[in-house]
């Protein structure tokens, strides 16, 4: 049995359904932004892309953590 997805990734199915883009596309947008701070990126996703706070926070948290785990590669 696989364990249920926890943390920010647990939001991914609803993000894809609600906003119509795959997570990889949102992550590419985040990585291509000149912004680097968590809350700056969350605010940017909310204001420029109309994403709700929880979904924006989940996308940013997961993307930044993934980049940190890879040694900061963007």
N, C-alpha and C. Protein backbone atom coordinates (compact mmCIF):
# COMPACT_ATOMS: atom_id res chain seq x y z
N UNK A 1 0.83 -1.20 0.00
CA UNK A 1 0.00 0.00 0.00
C UNK A 1 0.87 1.25 0.00
N UNK A 2 0.43 2.22 -0.74
CA UNK A 2 1.16 3.48 -0.73
C UNK A 2 0.53 4.40 0.30
N UNK A 3 1.40 5.18 0.93
CA UNK A 3 0.92 6.14 1.93
C UNK A 3 0.28 7.33 1.21
N UNK A 4 -0.72 7.93 1.82
CA UNK A 4 -1.31 9.12 1.20
C UNK A 4 -0.29 10.24 1.14
N UNK A 5 -0.41 11.07 0.10
CA UNK A 5 0.49 12.20 -0.07
C UNK A 5 0.22 13.20 1.05
N UNK A 6 1.30 13.68 1.64
CA UNK A 6 1.19 14.65 2.73
C UNK A 6 1.91 15.93 2.35
N UNK A 7 1.69 16.95 3.14
CA UNK A 7 2.37 18.22 2.93
C UNK A 7 1.85 18.96 1.72
N UNK A 8 2.67 19.89 1.20
CA UNK A 8 2.23 20.72 0.08
C UNK A 8 1.75 19.93 -1.14
N UNK A 9 2.37 18.80 -1.42
CA UNK A 9 1.99 18.02 -2.60
C UNK A 9 0.56 17.49 -2.52
N UNK A 10 0.00 17.45 -1.32
CA UNK A 10 -1.38 16.97 -1.19
C UNK A 10 -2.37 17.92 -1.88
N UNK A 11 -1.97 19.14 -2.12
CA UNK A 11 -2.81 20.12 -2.80
C UNK A 11 -2.75 20.00 -4.33
N UNK A 12 -1.77 19.28 -4.86
CA UNK A 12 -1.52 19.30 -6.29
C UNK A 12 -2.70 18.87 -7.16
N UNK A 13 -3.41 17.79 -6.82
CA UNK A 13 -4.55 17.43 -7.67
C UNK A 13 -5.60 18.54 -7.77
N UNK A 14 -5.89 19.19 -6.66
CA UNK A 14 -6.90 20.26 -6.71
C UNK A 14 -6.36 21.50 -7.42
N UNK A 15 -5.07 21.77 -7.32
CA UNK A 15 -4.47 22.91 -8.03
C UNK A 15 -4.58 22.67 -9.54
N UNK A 16 -4.22 21.49 -9.98
CA UNK A 16 -4.29 21.19 -11.42
C UNK A 16 -5.73 21.27 -11.91
N UNK A 17 -6.65 20.75 -11.14
CA UNK A 17 -8.06 20.77 -11.54
C UNK A 17 -8.61 22.19 -11.59
N UNK A 18 -8.32 22.98 -10.57
CA UNK A 18 -8.88 24.33 -10.47
C UNK A 18 -8.28 25.31 -11.48
N UNK A 19 -6.96 25.22 -11.70
CA UNK A 19 -6.29 26.23 -12.53
C UNK A 19 -5.90 25.73 -13.91
N UNK A 20 -6.09 24.44 -14.18
CA UNK A 20 -5.93 23.90 -15.52
C UNK A 20 -4.50 23.80 -16.06
N UNK A 21 -3.52 23.88 -15.18
CA UNK A 21 -2.12 23.74 -15.60
C UNK A 21 -1.48 22.65 -14.76
N UNK A 22 -0.56 21.90 -15.37
CA UNK A 22 0.16 20.89 -14.56
C UNK A 22 1.09 21.57 -13.56
N UNK A 23 1.39 20.85 -12.50
CA UNK A 23 2.27 21.38 -11.45
C UNK A 23 3.62 21.77 -12.03
N UNK A 24 4.13 21.00 -12.97
CA UNK A 24 5.43 21.32 -13.57
C UNK A 24 5.43 22.70 -14.22
N UNK A 25 4.30 23.10 -14.78
CA UNK A 25 4.22 24.43 -15.39
C UNK A 25 4.25 25.53 -14.33
N UNK A 26 3.54 25.32 -13.22
CA UNK A 26 3.59 26.29 -12.12
C UNK A 26 5.00 26.38 -11.55
N UNK A 27 5.66 25.23 -11.42
CA UNK A 27 7.02 25.24 -10.88
C UNK A 27 7.98 25.96 -11.82
N UNK A 28 7.80 25.81 -13.12
CA UNK A 28 8.63 26.53 -14.09
C UNK A 28 8.43 28.03 -13.95
N UNK A 29 7.18 28.46 -13.78
CA UNK A 29 6.90 29.88 -13.58
C UNK A 29 7.59 30.40 -12.32
N UNK A 30 7.48 29.66 -11.24
CA UNK A 30 8.11 30.06 -9.99
C UNK A 30 9.62 30.16 -10.16
N UNK A 31 10.20 29.17 -10.78
CA UNK A 31 11.67 29.15 -10.96
C UNK A 31 12.16 30.23 -11.91
N UNK A 32 11.32 30.65 -12.85
CA UNK A 32 11.75 31.67 -13.81
C UNK A 32 11.52 33.09 -13.28
N UNK A 33 10.83 33.21 -12.16
CA UNK A 33 10.59 34.52 -11.57
C UNK A 33 11.88 35.10 -10.99
N UNK A 34 11.97 36.41 -11.01
CA UNK A 34 13.11 37.08 -10.39
C UNK A 34 13.00 37.09 -8.87
N UNK A 35 11.81 36.77 -8.36
CA UNK A 35 11.58 36.75 -6.92
C UNK A 35 12.19 35.49 -6.32
N UNK A 36 12.66 35.60 -5.07
CA UNK A 36 13.29 34.44 -4.43
C UNK A 36 12.72 34.13 -3.05
N UNK A 37 12.07 35.09 -2.43
CA UNK A 37 11.54 34.88 -1.08
C UNK A 37 10.16 34.23 -1.14
N UNK A 38 9.93 33.35 -0.18
CA UNK A 38 8.69 32.58 -0.15
C UNK A 38 7.45 33.46 -0.28
N UNK A 39 7.28 34.41 0.61
CA UNK A 39 6.06 35.21 0.61
C UNK A 39 5.96 36.14 -0.60
N UNK A 40 7.09 36.57 -1.14
CA UNK A 40 7.05 37.36 -2.37
C UNK A 40 6.48 36.52 -3.51
N UNK A 41 6.92 35.27 -3.58
CA UNK A 41 6.43 34.37 -4.63
C UNK A 41 4.95 34.04 -4.43
N UNK A 42 4.54 33.83 -3.18
CA UNK A 42 3.13 33.55 -2.90
C UNK A 42 2.27 34.74 -3.34
N UNK A 43 2.67 35.93 -2.96
CA UNK A 43 1.93 37.13 -3.32
C UNK A 43 1.86 37.30 -4.83
N UNK A 44 2.96 37.04 -5.51
CA UNK A 44 3.02 37.14 -6.96
C UNK A 44 2.06 36.16 -7.62
N UNK A 45 2.04 34.91 -7.16
CA UNK A 45 1.11 33.93 -7.73
C UNK A 45 -0.34 34.36 -7.49
N UNK A 46 -0.61 34.92 -6.33
CA UNK A 46 -1.96 35.36 -6.01
C UNK A 46 -2.39 36.54 -6.88
N UNK A 47 -1.53 37.53 -7.00
CA UNK A 47 -1.92 38.76 -7.71
C UNK A 47 -1.81 38.63 -9.23
N UNK A 48 -0.78 37.98 -9.71
CA UNK A 48 -0.57 37.89 -11.15
C UNK A 48 -1.26 36.70 -11.82
N UNK A 49 -1.53 35.66 -11.04
CA UNK A 49 -2.08 34.44 -11.63
C UNK A 49 -3.40 34.01 -11.01
N UNK A 50 -3.89 34.75 -10.02
CA UNK A 50 -5.19 34.48 -9.44
C UNK A 50 -5.30 33.20 -8.63
N UNK A 51 -4.18 32.75 -8.11
CA UNK A 51 -4.17 31.52 -7.31
C UNK A 51 -4.51 31.88 -5.86
N UNK A 52 -5.29 31.04 -5.21
CA UNK A 52 -5.62 31.23 -3.81
C UNK A 52 -4.39 31.09 -2.92
N UNK A 53 -4.47 31.65 -1.74
CA UNK A 53 -3.31 31.67 -0.84
C UNK A 53 -2.78 30.28 -0.51
N UNK A 54 -3.65 29.37 -0.12
CA UNK A 54 -3.20 28.02 0.25
C UNK A 54 -2.53 27.29 -0.90
N UNK A 55 -3.10 27.42 -2.08
CA UNK A 55 -2.52 26.76 -3.25
C UNK A 55 -1.18 27.40 -3.62
N UNK A 56 -1.12 28.72 -3.59
CA UNK A 56 0.14 29.41 -3.89
C UNK A 56 1.21 29.03 -2.88
N UNK A 57 0.85 28.99 -1.62
CA UNK A 57 1.79 28.63 -0.57
C UNK A 57 2.31 27.20 -0.78
N UNK A 58 1.43 26.28 -1.12
CA UNK A 58 1.84 24.89 -1.35
C UNK A 58 2.79 24.79 -2.53
N UNK A 59 2.49 25.47 -3.62
CA UNK A 59 3.36 25.43 -4.81
C UNK A 59 4.74 25.99 -4.49
N UNK A 60 4.78 27.13 -3.82
CA UNK A 60 6.06 27.77 -3.50
C UNK A 60 6.85 26.91 -2.52
N UNK A 61 6.21 26.44 -1.46
CA UNK A 61 6.90 25.63 -0.46
C UNK A 61 7.51 24.39 -1.09
N UNK A 62 6.74 23.70 -1.89
CA UNK A 62 7.22 22.46 -2.51
C UNK A 62 8.36 22.75 -3.49
N UNK A 63 8.21 23.78 -4.30
CA UNK A 63 9.22 24.11 -5.30
C UNK A 63 10.53 24.53 -4.65
N UNK A 64 10.44 25.40 -3.65
CA UNK A 64 11.67 25.85 -2.98
C UNK A 64 12.35 24.70 -2.25
N UNK A 65 11.57 23.82 -1.63
CA UNK A 65 12.15 22.68 -0.94
C UNK A 65 12.81 21.72 -1.94
N UNK A 66 12.15 21.50 -3.05
CA UNK A 66 12.71 20.63 -4.09
C UNK A 66 14.04 21.19 -4.59
N UNK A 67 14.09 22.50 -4.80
CA UNK A 67 15.33 23.14 -5.25
C UNK A 67 16.42 23.05 -4.19
N UNK A 68 16.05 23.23 -2.93
CA UNK A 68 17.02 23.13 -1.83
C UNK A 68 17.57 21.70 -1.74
N UNK A 69 16.69 20.72 -1.94
CA UNK A 69 17.12 19.31 -1.90
C UNK A 69 18.07 18.98 -3.05
N UNK A 70 17.97 19.72 -4.14
CA UNK A 70 18.85 19.50 -5.29
C UNK A 70 20.09 20.38 -5.23
N UNK A 71 20.28 21.05 -4.13
CA UNK A 71 21.46 21.90 -3.99
C UNK A 71 21.26 23.29 -4.53
N UNK A 72 20.00 23.73 -4.61
CA UNK A 72 19.72 25.09 -5.03
C UNK A 72 19.62 25.27 -6.53
N UNK A 73 19.64 24.19 -7.29
CA UNK A 73 19.53 24.32 -8.75
C UNK A 73 18.17 24.86 -9.12
N UNK A 74 18.19 25.85 -10.01
CA UNK A 74 16.92 26.43 -10.45
C UNK A 74 16.61 25.99 -11.85
